[in-house]
Amino acid sequence: MPLLPRHNPSLAVAQVQGYAEMAYFALLAEVNLTPKPGLVDRFNTGAHRDMNLNDFYRSADAIAPWFPRFIEQGIANRHLDGEAALCALRPLGLACENAMFAATNGVNTHKGSIFSLGLLCCAIGRLLATGVDISAEVVCQEVALLCRGLTERELRRKNLQQTAGQRLFAHHGLTGARGEAESGFSTVLTHGLPVYRRRLHLGADQECALLETLLHLMAVNGDTNVVSRGGMAGLFWLQRKATEVLTHGGINTPWDKAQVRLFDTQCIARNLSPGGSADLLILTWFLAHFPNQPPYKHNNNNATGVSLC
């Protein structure tokens, strides 16, 4: 049944909290996945020298209280057009970022996820308020409406000092998180979700399904985090290596897992961290749980069950 908040306020509160909890669990599912090439996990800190696993736990805990607020903002601003709703959401996003930085002593652990999950939560609120049935596809369509024209407005804008995103767009045509959001997270819908759902359907456990999904995302995503560290040559190398691991049939055997660990070592040596693909994996996990609410509780010590796929 679609939600009508004005008719059932207690159900509205429960649904807001349910989606907010899923967003939090999605953050934990990603960081606890081990191994991950170039990324912080239970084995090591990847290509990062300024952050560790505990930073991500503290960050997720600091961000979590803001997810219900993003949803509530969407409910409150359901009558605004996309650009106006996005402007109204921005101060909340910045406040959430400040909470993250305060928890991590200035380390950027989840800025991209705040942007993407904040948009999804806002979109969920808008849909809940209008009584629309929630699905991954419908929520992503709403995000696309919210972000229509965002890339043009922000990446083509002539600043006195260009942002990193503007430079990558100007030099390489990469649109990063803004472009992904404006597309309605098309990479997640066309690559992440189908791979993850298929692997689970075929009997893979969640960790192996997530790891194979991450490799698929790395193989196709124009990850601006990677380009910032290693240029386009670094991106092409990473995409090729991810594809090579997948061509052997995915993550099914100890040999496959050993190849991922080797891939991790190579990413660290090249100082490459596919943070953009990690963000897309978070969204994949989150959207894969629609329309159900999580029937389980997580904790920081083991948010996704046994790791070490």
C-alpha atoms as a PDB file:
ATOM      1  CA  MET A   1       0.000   0.000   0.000  1.00  0.00           C
ATOM      2  CA  PRO A   2       1.321   3.481  -0.784  1.00  0.00           C
ATOM      3  CA  LEU A   3       1.903   5.684   2.201  1.00  0.00           C
ATOM      4  CA  LEU A   4      -0.440   8.586   2.938  1.00  0.00           C
ATOM      5  CA  PRO A   5       1.327  10.385   5.818  1.00  0.00           C
ATOM      6  CA  ARG A   6      -1.600  12.643   6.663  1.00  0.00           C
ATOM      7  CA  HIS A   7      -3.804   9.566   7.210  1.00  0.00           C
ATOM      8  CA  ASN A   8      -1.306   7.421   9.107  1.00  0.00           C
ATOM      9  CA  PRO A   9       1.382   9.483  10.853  1.00  0.00           C
ATOM     10  CA  SER A  10       2.717   6.539  12.868  1.00  0.00           C
ATOM     11  CA  LEU A  11       3.320   4.573   9.679  1.00  0.00           C
ATOM     12  CA  ALA A  12       5.011   7.620   8.172  1.00  0.00           C
ATOM     13  CA  VAL A  13       7.451   7.783  11.087  1.00  0.00           C
ATOM     14  CA  ALA A  14       8.165   4.051  10.807  1.00  0.00           C
ATOM     15  CA  GLN A  15       8.851   4.259   7.089  1.00  0.00           C
ATOM     16  CA  VAL A  16      11.094   7.299   7.417  1.00  0.00           C
ATOM     17  CA  GLN A  17      13.099   5.504  10.089  1.00  0.00           C
ATOM     18  CA  GLY A  18      13.208   2.299   8.055  1.00  0.00           C
ATOM     19  CA  TYR A  19      14.671   3.952   4.976  1.00  0.00           C
ATOM     20  CA  ALA A  20      17.085   5.981   7.112  1.00  0.00           C
ATOM     21  CA  GLU A  21      18.352   2.805   8.780  1.00  0.00           C
ATOM     22  CA  MET A  22      18.866   1.166   5.391  1.00  0.00           C
ATOM     23  CA  ALA A  23      20.998   4.109   4.283  1.00  0.00           C
ATOM     24  CA  TYR A  24      23.143   3.711   7.395  1.00  0.00           C
ATOM     25  CA  PHE A  25      23.456  -0.050   6.910  1.00  0.00           C
ATOM     26  CA  ALA A  26      24.504   0.551   3.294  1.00  0.00           C
ATOM     27  CA  LEU A  27      27.499   2.574   4.501  1.00  0.00           C
ATOM     28  CA  LEU A  28      28.525  -0.255   6.812  1.00  0.00           C
ATOM     29  CA  ALA A  29      28.001  -2.934   4.169  1.00  0.00           C
ATOM     30  CA  GLU A  30      30.487  -1.208   1.865  1.00  0.00           C
ATOM     31  CA  VAL A  31      33.243  -0.489   4.359  1.00  0.00           C
ATOM     32  CA  ASN A  32      33.121  -3.973   5.915  1.00  0.00           C
ATOM     33  CA  LEU A  33      33.378  -5.697   2.534  1.00  0.00           C
ATOM     34  CA  THR A  34      36.850  -7.261   2.373  1.00  0.00           C
ATOM     35  CA  PRO A  35      38.998  -7.312   0.286  1.00  0.00           C
ATOM     36  CA  LYS A  36      38.377  -4.215  -1.846  1.00  0.00           C
ATOM     37  CA  PRO A  37      40.993  -3.034  -4.373  1.00  0.00           C
ATOM     38  CA  GLY A  38      42.529   0.264  -3.255  1.00  0.00           C
ATOM     39  CA  LEU A  39      39.849   0.939  -0.636  1.00  0.00           C
ATOM     40  CA  VAL A  40      39.740   0.901   3.155  1.00  0.00           C
ATOM     41  CA  ASP A  41      38.617  -2.499   4.455  1.00  0.00           C
ATOM     42  CA  ARG A  42      39.338  -4.993   7.243  1.00  0.00           C
ATOM     43  CA  PHE A  43      42.691  -5.962   5.724  1.00  0.00           C
ATOM     44  CA  ASN A  44      44.246  -2.536   5.210  1.00  0.00           C
ATOM     45  CA  THR A  45      43.643   1.141   4.456  1.00  0.00           C
ATOM     46  CA  GLY A  46      44.010   0.704   0.700  1.00  0.00           C
ATOM     47  CA  ALA A  47      45.623   3.611  -1.118  1.00  0.00           C
ATOM     48  CA  HIS A  48      44.790   5.923   1.803  1.00  0.00           C
ATOM     49  CA  ARG A  49      47.194   7.182   4.441  1.00  0.00           C
ATOM     50  CA  ASP A  50      44.801   9.561   6.170  1.00  0.00           C
ATOM     51  CA  MET A  51      41.938   7.244   7.151  1.00  0.00           C
ATOM     52  CA  ASN A  52      41.190   3.804   8.559  1.00  0.00           C
ATOM     53  CA  LEU A  53      38.264   1.501   9.278  1.00  0.00           C
ATOM     54  CA  ASN A  54      37.386   3.185  12.565  1.00  0.00           C
ATOM     55  CA  ASP A  55      37.186   6.556  10.807  1.00  0.00           C
ATOM     56  CA  PHE A  56      34.489   5.097   8.570  1.00  0.00           C
ATOM     57  CA  TYR A  57      32.567   3.729  11.537  1.00  0.00           C
ATOM     58  CA  ARG A  58      32.694   7.104  13.295  1.00  0.00           C
ATOM     59  CA  SER A  59      31.694   8.816  10.076  1.00  0.00           C
ATOM     60  CA  ALA A  60      28.710   6.512   9.489  1.00  0.00           C
ATOM     61  CA  ASP A  61      27.529   7.039  13.055  1.00  0.00           C
ATOM     62  CA  ALA A  62      27.791  10.822  12.649  1.00  0.00           C
ATOM     63  CA  ILE A  63      25.934  10.804   9.335  1.00  0.00           C
ATOM     64  CA  ALA A  64      23.134   8.433  10.381  1.00  0.00           C
ATOM     65  CA  PRO A  65      20.986  10.990  12.280  1.00  0.00           C
ATOM     66  CA  TRP A  66      20.814  13.131   9.155  1.00  0.00           C
ATOM     67  CA  PHE A  67      19.170  10.542   6.909  1.00  0.00           C
ATOM     68  CA  PRO A  68      15.698  10.983   8.474  1.00  0.00           C
ATOM     69  CA  ARG A  69      16.128  14.740   8.059  1.00  0.00           C
ATOM     70  CA  PHE A  70      16.827  14.350   4.344  1.00  0.00           C
ATOM     71  CA  ILE A  71      13.631  12.309   4.006  1.00  0.00           C
ATOM     72  CA  GLU A  72      11.638  14.799   6.069  1.00  0.00           C
ATOM     73  CA  GLN A  73      13.026  17.620   3.930  1.00  0.00           C
ATOM     74  CA  GLY A  74      11.736  15.820   0.861  1.00  0.00           C
ATOM     75  CA  ILE A  75       8.309  15.494   2.449  1.00  0.00           C
ATOM     76  CA  ALA A  76       8.241  19.170   3.432  1.00  0.00           C
ATOM     77  CA  ASN A  77       9.395  20.400   0.011  1.00  0.00           C
ATOM     78  CA  ARG A  78       7.368  18.002  -2.126  1.00  0.00           C
ATOM     79  CA  HIS A  79       5.649  20.896  -3.940  1.00  0.00           C
ATOM     80  CA  LEU A  80       8.918  22.561  -5.014  1.00  0.00           C
ATOM     81  CA  ASP A  81      10.363  21.982  -8.459  1.00  0.00           C
ATOM     82  CA  GLY A  82      13.628  20.082  -8.735  1.00  0.00           C
ATOM     83  CA  GLU A  83      16.062  22.987  -8.698  1.00  0.00           C
ATOM     84  CA  ALA A  84      14.293  24.725  -5.811  1.00  0.00           C
ATOM     85  CA  ALA A  85      14.125  21.491  -3.802  1.00  0.00           C
ATOM     86  CA  LEU A  86      17.821  20.915  -4.437  1.00  0.00           C
ATOM     87  CA  CYS A  87      18.663  24.421  -3.213  1.00  0.00           C
ATOM     88  CA  ALA A  88      16.609  23.825  -0.071  1.00  0.00           C
ATOM     89  CA  LEU A  89      18.421  20.530   0.513  1.00  0.00           C
ATOM     90  CA  ARG A  90      21.936  21.943   0.171  1.00  0.00           C
ATOM     91  CA  PRO A  91      22.244  23.504   3.676  1.00  0.00           C
ATOM     92  CA  LEU A  92      21.228  20.174   5.208  1.00  0.00           C
ATOM     93  CA  GLY A  93      23.858  18.382   3.153  1.00  0.00           C
ATOM     94  CA  LEU A  94      26.551  20.827   4.237  1.00  0.00           C
ATOM     95  CA  ALA A  95      25.552  20.421   7.879  1.00  0.00           C
ATOM     96  CA  CYS A  96      25.796  16.642   7.480  1.00  0.00           C
ATOM     97  CA  GLU A  97      29.262  17.033   5.950  1.00  0.00           C
ATOM     98  CA  ASN A  98      30.310  19.154   8.919  1.00  0.00           C
ATOM     99  CA  ALA A  99      29.144  16.398  11.271  1.00  0.00           C
ATOM    100  CA  MET A 100      31.255  13.917   9.312  1.00  0.00           C
ATOM    101  CA  PHE A 101      34.344  16.122   9.425  1.00  0.00           C
ATOM    102  CA  ALA A 102      33.890  16.706  13.154  1.00  0.00           C
ATOM    103  CA  ALA A 103      33.732  12.946  13.758  1.00  0.00           C
ATOM    104  CA  THR A 104      36.802  12.174  11.630  1.00  0.00           C
ATOM    105  CA  ASN A 105      38.988  15.155  12.527  1.00  0.00           C
ATOM    106  CA  GLY A 106      38.663  16.596   9.053  1.00  0.00           C
ATOM    107  CA  VAL A 107      38.981  13.398   7.002  1.00  0.00           C
ATOM    108  CA  ASN A 108      36.655  13.063   3.998  1.00  0.00           C
ATOM    109  CA  THR A 109      35.286   9.564   4.423  1.00  0.00           C
ATOM    110  CA  HIS A 110      31.757   9.852   3.022  1.00  0.00           C
ATOM    111  CA  LYS A 111      31.279  13.172   1.239  1.00  0.00           C
ATOM    112  CA  GLY A 112      30.195  11.467  -1.985  1.00  0.00           C
ATOM    113  CA  SER A 113      27.801   9.203  -0.122  1.00  0.00           C
ATOM    114  CA  ILE A 114      26.240  12.141   1.708  1.00  0.00           C
ATOM    115  CA  PHE A 115      25.508  13.701  -1.674  1.00  0.00           C
ATOM    116  CA  SER A 116      24.064  10.552  -3.248  1.00  0.00           C
ATOM    117  CA  LEU A 117      22.218   9.109  -0.267  1.00  0.00           C
ATOM    118  CA  GLY A 118      20.969  12.567   0.660  1.00  0.00           C
ATOM    119  CA  LEU A 119      19.413  12.875  -2.780  1.00  0.00           C
ATOM    120  CA  LEU A 120      17.875   9.414  -2.602  1.00  0.00           C
ATOM    121  CA  CYS A 121      16.449  10.082   0.857  1.00  0.00           C
ATOM    122  CA  CYS A 122      15.018  13.409  -0.279  1.00  0.00           C
ATOM    123  CA  ALA A 123      13.463  11.687  -3.301  1.00  0.00           C
ATOM    124  CA  ILE A 124      11.973   9.021  -1.041  1.00  0.00           C
ATOM    125  CA  GLY A 125      10.394  11.728   1.091  1.00  0.00           C
ATOM    126  CA  ARG A 126       8.840  13.414  -1.931  1.00  0.00           C
ATOM    127  CA  LEU A 127       7.407  10.110  -3.109  1.00  0.00           C
ATOM    128  CA  LEU A 128       6.121   9.080   0.311  1.00  0.00           C
ATOM    129  CA  ALA A 129       4.367  12.431   0.657  1.00  0.00           C
ATOM    130  CA  THR A 130       2.522  11.976  -2.622  1.00  0.00           C
ATOM    131  CA  GLY A 131       1.537   8.352  -2.024  1.00  0.00           C
ATOM    132  CA  VAL A 132       3.641   6.842  -4.805  1.00  0.00           C
ATOM    133  CA  ASP A 133       4.738   3.222  -4.481  1.00  0.00           C
ATOM    134  CA  ILE A 134       8.458   3.056  -3.762  1.00  0.00           C
ATOM    135  CA  SER A 135      10.841   1.117  -5.988  1.00  0.00           C
ATOM    136  CA  ALA A 136      14.489   1.552  -6.898  1.00  0.00           C
ATOM    137  CA  GLU A 137      13.581   2.706 -10.386  1.00  0.00           C
ATOM    138  CA  VAL A 138      10.950   5.215  -9.269  1.00  0.00           C
ATOM    139  CA  VAL A 139      13.233   6.742  -6.634  1.00  0.00           C
ATOM    140  CA  CYS A 140      16.060   7.092  -9.149  1.00  0.00           C
ATOM    141  CA  GLN A 141      13.684   8.759 -11.611  1.00  0.00           C
ATOM    142  CA  GLU A 142      12.793  11.263  -8.899  1.00  0.00           C
ATOM    143  CA  VAL A 143      16.494  11.964  -8.281  1.00  0.00           C
ATOM    144  CA  ALA A 144      16.936  12.598 -12.001  1.00  0.00           C
ATOM    145  CA  LEU A 145      14.104  15.146 -11.860  1.00  0.00           C
ATOM    146  CA  LEU A 146      15.646  16.814  -8.818  1.00  0.00           C
ATOM    147  CA  CYS A 147      19.021  17.066 -10.551  1.00  0.00           C
ATOM    148  CA  ARG A 148      17.901  18.060 -14.045  1.00  0.00           C
ATOM    149  CA  GLY A 149      20.431  20.566 -15.377  1.00  0.00           C
ATOM    150  CA  LEU A 150      22.788  20.125 -12.414  1.00  0.00           C
ATOM    151  CA  THR A 151      25.817  19.194 -14.507  1.00  0.00           C
ATOM    152  CA  GLU A 152      25.315  22.149 -16.820  1.00  0.00           C
ATOM    153  CA  ARG A 153      24.809  24.587 -13.947  1.00  0.00           C
ATOM    154  CA  GLU A 154      27.710  23.475 -11.779  1.00  0.00           C
ATOM    155  CA  LEU A 155      30.362  21.933 -14.023  1.00  0.00           C
ATOM    156  CA  ARG A 156      30.173  24.403 -16.917  1.00  0.00           C
ATOM    157  CA  ARG A 157      30.002  27.388 -14.582  1.00  0.00           C
ATOM    158  CA  LYS A 158      32.879  29.836 -14.972  1.00  0.00           C
ATOM    159  CA  ASN A 159      34.504  30.215 -11.567  1.00  0.00           C
ATOM    160  CA  LEU A 160      37.502  32.322 -10.682  1.00  0.00           C
ATOM    161  CA  GLN A 161      38.918  29.161  -9.126  1.00  0.00           C
ATOM    162  CA  GLN A 162      37.757  25.926 -10.731  1.00  0.00           C
ATOM    163  CA  THR A 163      36.794  23.017  -8.502  1.00  0.00           C
ATOM    164  CA  ALA A 164      38.371  19.602  -9.027  1.00  0.00           C
ATOM    165  CA  GLY A 165      35.115  18.415 -10.590  1.00  0.00           C
ATOM    166  CA  GLN A 166      35.069  21.327 -13.024  1.00  0.00           C
ATOM    167  CA  ARG A 167      38.655  20.650 -14.079  1.00  0.00           C
ATOM    168  CA  LEU A 168      37.964  16.970 -14.722  1.00  0.00           C
ATOM    169  CA  PHE A 169      34.869  17.890 -16.713  1.00  0.00           C
ATOM    170  CA  ALA A 170      36.732  20.507 -18.748  1.00  0.00           C
ATOM    171  CA  HIS A 171      39.714  18.263 -19.494  1.00  0.00           C
ATOM    172  CA  HIS A 172      38.116  14.827 -19.792  1.00  0.00           C
ATOM    173  CA  GLY A 173      34.341  15.291 -19.971  1.00  0.00           C
ATOM    174  CA  LEU A 174      33.843  13.367 -16.727  1.00  0.00           C
ATOM    175  CA  THR A 175      30.703  14.388 -14.851  1.00  0.00           C
ATOM    176  CA  GLY A 176      31.326  12.433 -11.647  1.00  0.00           C
ATOM    177  CA  ALA A 177      28.726  12.225  -8.903  1.00  0.00           C
ATOM    178  CA  ARG A 178      26.663  15.077 -10.372  1.00  0.00           C
ATOM    179  CA  GLY A 179      26.313  13.375 -13.727  1.00  0.00           C
ATOM    180  CA  GLU A 180      25.483  10.061 -12.111  1.00  0.00           C
ATOM    181  CA  ALA A 181      22.749  11.698 -10.041  1.00  0.00           C
ATOM    182  CA  GLU A 182      21.362  13.603 -13.022  1.00  0.00           C
ATOM    183  CA  SER A 183      21.165  10.316 -14.934  1.00  0.00           C
ATOM    184  CA  GLY A 184      19.092   8.819 -12.110  1.00  0.00           C
ATOM    185  CA  PHE A 185      22.068   6.677 -11.072  1.00  0.00           C
ATOM    186  CA  SER A 186      22.022   4.876 -14.392  1.00  0.00           C
ATOM    187  CA  THR A 187      25.259   2.995 -13.678  1.00  0.00           C
ATOM    188  CA  VAL A 188      23.687   1.494 -10.573  1.00  0.00           C
ATOM    189  CA  LEU A 189      20.446   0.590 -12.362  1.00  0.00           C
ATOM    190  CA  THR A 190      22.088  -0.894 -15.464  1.00  0.00           C
ATOM    191  CA  HIS A 191      25.166  -2.517 -13.913  1.00  0.00           C
ATOM    192  CA  GLY A 192      25.208  -2.582 -10.116  1.00  0.00           C
ATOM    193  CA  LEU A 193      21.717  -3.818  -9.298  1.00  0.00           C
ATOM    194  CA  PRO A 194      21.426  -6.454 -12.055  1.00  0.00           C
ATOM    195  CA  VAL A 195      24.792  -8.004 -11.145  1.00  0.00           C
ATOM    196  CA  TYR A 196      24.107  -7.971  -7.406  1.00  0.00           C
ATOM    197  CA  ARG A 197      20.618  -9.433  -7.759  1.00  0.00           C
ATOM    198  CA  ARG A 198      21.770 -12.096 -10.215  1.00  0.00           C
ATOM    199  CA  ARG A 199      24.611 -13.269  -7.980  1.00  0.00           C
ATOM    200  CA  LEU A 200      22.311 -13.499  -4.968  1.00  0.00           C
ATOM    201  CA  HIS A 201      19.730 -15.378  -7.056  1.00  0.00           C
ATOM    202  CA  LEU A 202      22.416 -17.878  -8.075  1.00  0.00           C
ATOM    203  CA  GLY A 203      23.237 -18.561  -4.445  1.00  0.00           C
ATOM    204  CA  ALA A 204      26.229 -16.340  -3.736  1.00  0.00           C
ATOM    205  CA  ASP A 205      26.528 -14.947  -0.234  1.00  0.00           C
ATOM    206  CA  GLN A 206      26.187 -11.205   0.199  1.00  0.00           C
ATOM    207  CA  GLU A 207      29.919 -10.520   0.446  1.00  0.00           C
ATOM    208  CA  CYS A 208      30.811 -12.335  -2.775  1.00  0.00           C
ATOM    209  CA  ALA A 209      27.852 -10.729  -4.552  1.00  0.00           C
ATOM    210  CA  LEU A 210      28.951  -7.278  -3.380  1.00  0.00           C
ATOM    211  CA  LEU A 211      32.566  -7.868  -4.358  1.00  0.00           C
ATOM    212  CA  GLU A 212      31.661  -8.994  -7.859  1.00  0.00           C
ATOM    213  CA  THR A 213      29.313  -6.022  -8.162  1.00  0.00           C
ATOM    214  CA  LEU A 214      32.104  -3.675  -7.106  1.00  0.00           C
ATOM    215  CA  LEU A 215      34.384  -5.084  -9.808  1.00  0.00           C
ATOM    216  CA  HIS A 216      31.665  -4.607 -12.438  1.00  0.00           C
ATOM    217  CA  LEU A 217      31.194  -1.005 -11.319  1.00  0.00           C
ATOM    218  CA  MET A 218      34.946  -0.398 -11.414  1.00  0.00           C
ATOM    219  CA  ALA A 219      35.081  -1.810 -14.943  1.00  0.00           C
ATOM    220  CA  VAL A 220      32.526   0.660 -16.336  1.00  0.00           C
ATOM    221  CA  ASN A 221      32.569   3.714 -14.082  1.00  0.00           C
ATOM    222  CA  GLY A 222      34.430   6.859 -15.131  1.00  0.00           C
ATOM    223  CA  ASP A 223      35.623   7.244 -11.553  1.00  0.00           C
ATOM    224  CA  THR A 224      36.817  10.799 -10.937  1.00  0.00           C
ATOM    225  CA  ASN A 225      38.528   9.709  -7.710  1.00  0.00           C
ATOM    226  CA  VAL A 226      40.782   7.436  -9.743  1.00  0.00           C
ATOM    227  CA  VAL A 227      41.458  10.090 -12.381  1.00  0.00           C
ATOM    228  CA  SER A 228      42.330  12.630  -9.684  1.00  0.00           C
ATOM    229  CA  ARG A 229      45.021  10.267  -8.411  1.00  0.00           C
ATOM    230  CA  GLY A 230      46.257   8.551 -11.551  1.00  0.00           C
ATOM    231  CA  GLY A 231      44.958  10.433 -14.572  1.00  0.00           C
ATOM    232  CA  MET A 232      43.087   8.790 -17.411  1.00  0.00           C
ATOM    233  CA  ALA A 233      45.873   6.220 -17.722  1.00  0.00           C
ATOM    234  CA  GLY A 234      45.182   5.152 -14.149  1.00  0.00           C
ATOM    235  CA  LEU A 235      41.460   4.880 -14.862  1.00  0.00           C
ATOM    236  CA  PHE A 236      41.984   2.782 -17.993  1.00  0.00           C
ATOM    237  CA  TRP A 237      44.390   0.494 -16.134  1.00  0.00           C
ATOM    238  CA  LEU A 238      41.931   0.001 -13.269  1.00  0.00           C
ATOM    239  CA  GLN A 239      39.007  -0.675 -15.603  1.00  0.00           C
ATOM    240  CA  ARG A 240      41.085  -3.197 -17.546  1.00  0.00           C
ATOM    241  CA  LYS A 241      42.246  -5.011 -14.411  1.00  0.00           C
ATOM    242  CA  ALA A 242      38.697  -5.219 -13.038  1.00  0.00           C
ATOM    243  CA  THR A 243      37.532  -6.654 -16.355  1.00  0.00           C
ATOM    244  CA  GLU A 244      40.357  -9.219 -16.324  1.00  0.00           C
ATOM    245  CA  VAL A 245      39.298 -10.531 -12.923  1.00  0.00           C
ATOM    246  CA  LEU A 246      35.695 -10.798 -14.092  1.00  0.00           C
ATOM    247  CA  THR A 247      36.526 -12.607 -17.339  1.00  0.00           C
ATOM    248  CA  HIS A 248      37.548 -15.656 -15.327  1.00  0.00           C
ATOM    249  CA  GLY A 249      33.938 -16.105 -14.238  1.00  0.00           C
ATOM    250  CA  GLY A 250      33.573 -13.738 -11.327  1.00  0.00           C
ATOM    251  CA  ILE A 251      34.218 -14.335  -7.644  1.00  0.00           C
ATOM    252  CA  ASN A 252      33.713 -18.053  -7.113  1.00  0.00           C
ATOM    253  CA  THR A 253      36.986 -19.707  -6.135  1.00  0.00           C
ATOM    254  CA  PRO A 254      39.974 -19.098  -3.854  1.00  0.00           C
ATOM    255  CA  TRP A 255      41.959 -18.207  -6.992  1.00  0.00           C
ATOM    256  CA  ASP A 256      39.470 -15.449  -7.819  1.00  0.00           C
ATOM    257  CA  LYS A 257      39.763 -14.032  -4.329  1.00  0.00           C
ATOM    258  CA  ALA A 258      43.546 -14.192  -4.504  1.00  0.00           C
ATOM    259  CA  GLN A 259      43.383 -12.167  -7.713  1.00  0.00           C
ATOM    260  CA  VAL A 260      41.345  -9.496  -5.935  1.00  0.00           C
ATOM    261  CA  ARG A 261      43.949  -9.316  -3.172  1.00  0.00           C
ATOM    262  CA  LEU A 262      46.666  -8.951  -5.810  1.00  0.00           C
ATOM    263  CA  PHE A 263      44.577  -6.249  -7.489  1.00  0.00           C
ATOM    264  CA  ASP A 264      44.399  -4.484  -4.123  1.00  0.00           C
ATOM    265  CA  THR A 265      48.185  -4.596  -3.781  1.00  0.00           C
ATOM    266  CA  GLN A 266      48.585  -3.175  -7.285  1.00  0.00           C
ATOM    267  CA  CYS A 267      46.103  -0.354  -6.611  1.00  0.00           C
ATOM    268  CA  ILE A 268      47.961   0.557  -3.441  1.00  0.00           C
ATOM    269  CA  ALA A 269      51.272   0.624  -5.318  1.00  0.00           C
ATOM    270  CA  ARG A 270      49.737   2.926  -7.936  1.00  0.00           C
ATOM    271  CA  ASN A 271      47.956   5.048  -5.289  1.00  0.00           C
ATOM    272  CA  LEU A 272      44.565   4.396  -6.900  1.00  0.00           C
ATOM    273  CA  SER A 273      41.351   4.327  -4.891  1.00  0.00           C
ATOM    274  CA  PRO A 274      38.030   3.768  -6.710  1.00  0.00           C
ATOM    275  CA  GLY A 275      36.008   5.792  -4.228  1.00  0.00           C
ATOM    276  CA  GLY A 276      33.380   6.709  -6.807  1.00  0.00           C
ATOM    277  CA  SER A 277      32.664   3.049  -7.485  1.00  0.00           C
ATOM    278  CA  ALA A 278      32.518   2.400  -3.741  1.00  0.00           C
ATOM    279  CA  ASP A 279      29.835   5.091  -3.506  1.00  0.00           C
ATOM    280  CA  LEU A 280      27.879   3.371  -6.280  1.00  0.00           C
ATOM    281  CA  LEU A 281      28.172   0.072  -4.408  1.00  0.00           C
ATOM    282  CA  ILE A 282      26.616   1.734  -1.358  1.00  0.00           C
ATOM    283  CA  LEU A 283      23.707   2.874  -3.521  1.00  0.00           C
ATOM    284  CA  THR A 284      23.394  -0.611  -5.012  1.00  0.00           C
ATOM    285  CA  TRP A 285      23.038  -2.217  -1.589  1.00  0.00           C
ATOM    286  CA  PHE A 286      20.567   0.466  -0.497  1.00  0.00           C
ATOM    287  CA  LEU A 287      18.348   0.212  -3.572  1.00  0.00           C
ATOM    288  CA  ALA A 288      18.502  -3.588  -3.616  1.00  0.00           C
ATOM    289  CA  HIS A 289      16.546  -3.634  -0.362  1.00  0.00           C
ATOM    290  CA  PHE A 290      13.516  -1.794  -1.751  1.00  0.00           C
ATOM    291  CA  PRO A 291      10.649  -2.045  -1.040  1.00  0.00           C
ATOM    292  CA  ASN A 292      11.371  -4.182   2.031  1.00  0.00           C
ATOM    293  CA  GLN A 293      12.482  -2.787   5.356  1.00  0.00           C
ATOM    294  CA  PRO A 294      15.508  -4.430   7.017  1.00  0.00           C
ATOM    295  CA  PRO A 295      14.387  -7.272   9.306  1.00  0.00           C
ATOM    296  CA  TYR A 296      17.768  -7.334  11.052  1.00  0.00           C
ATOM    297  CA  LYS A 297      20.054  -5.168  13.119  1.00  0.00           C
ATOM    298  CA  HIS A 298      23.655  -4.392  12.307  1.00  0.00           C
ATOM    299  CA  ASN A 299      26.554  -3.310  14.432  1.00  0.00           C
ATOM    300  CA  ASN A 300      29.894  -1.762  13.648  1.00  0.00           C
ATOM    301  CA  ASN A 301      31.821  -4.921  14.403  1.00  0.00           C
ATOM    302  CA  ASN A 302      30.201  -6.910  11.636  1.00  0.00           C
ATOM    303  CA  ALA A 303      27.692  -4.983   9.598  1.00  0.00           C
ATOM    304  CA  THR A 304      27.285  -7.522   6.824  1.00  0.00           C
ATOM    305  CA  GLY A 305      27.954 -10.829   8.476  1.00  0.00           C
ATOM    306  CA  VAL A 306      31.240 -12.662   8.018  1.00  0.00           C
ATOM    307  CA  SER A 307      33.599 -10.805   5.735  1.00  0.00           C
ATOM    308  CA  LEU A 308      36.633 -12.115   3.886  1.00  0.00           C
ATOM    309  CA  CYS A 309      34.765 -13.303   0.820  1.00  0.00           C
END
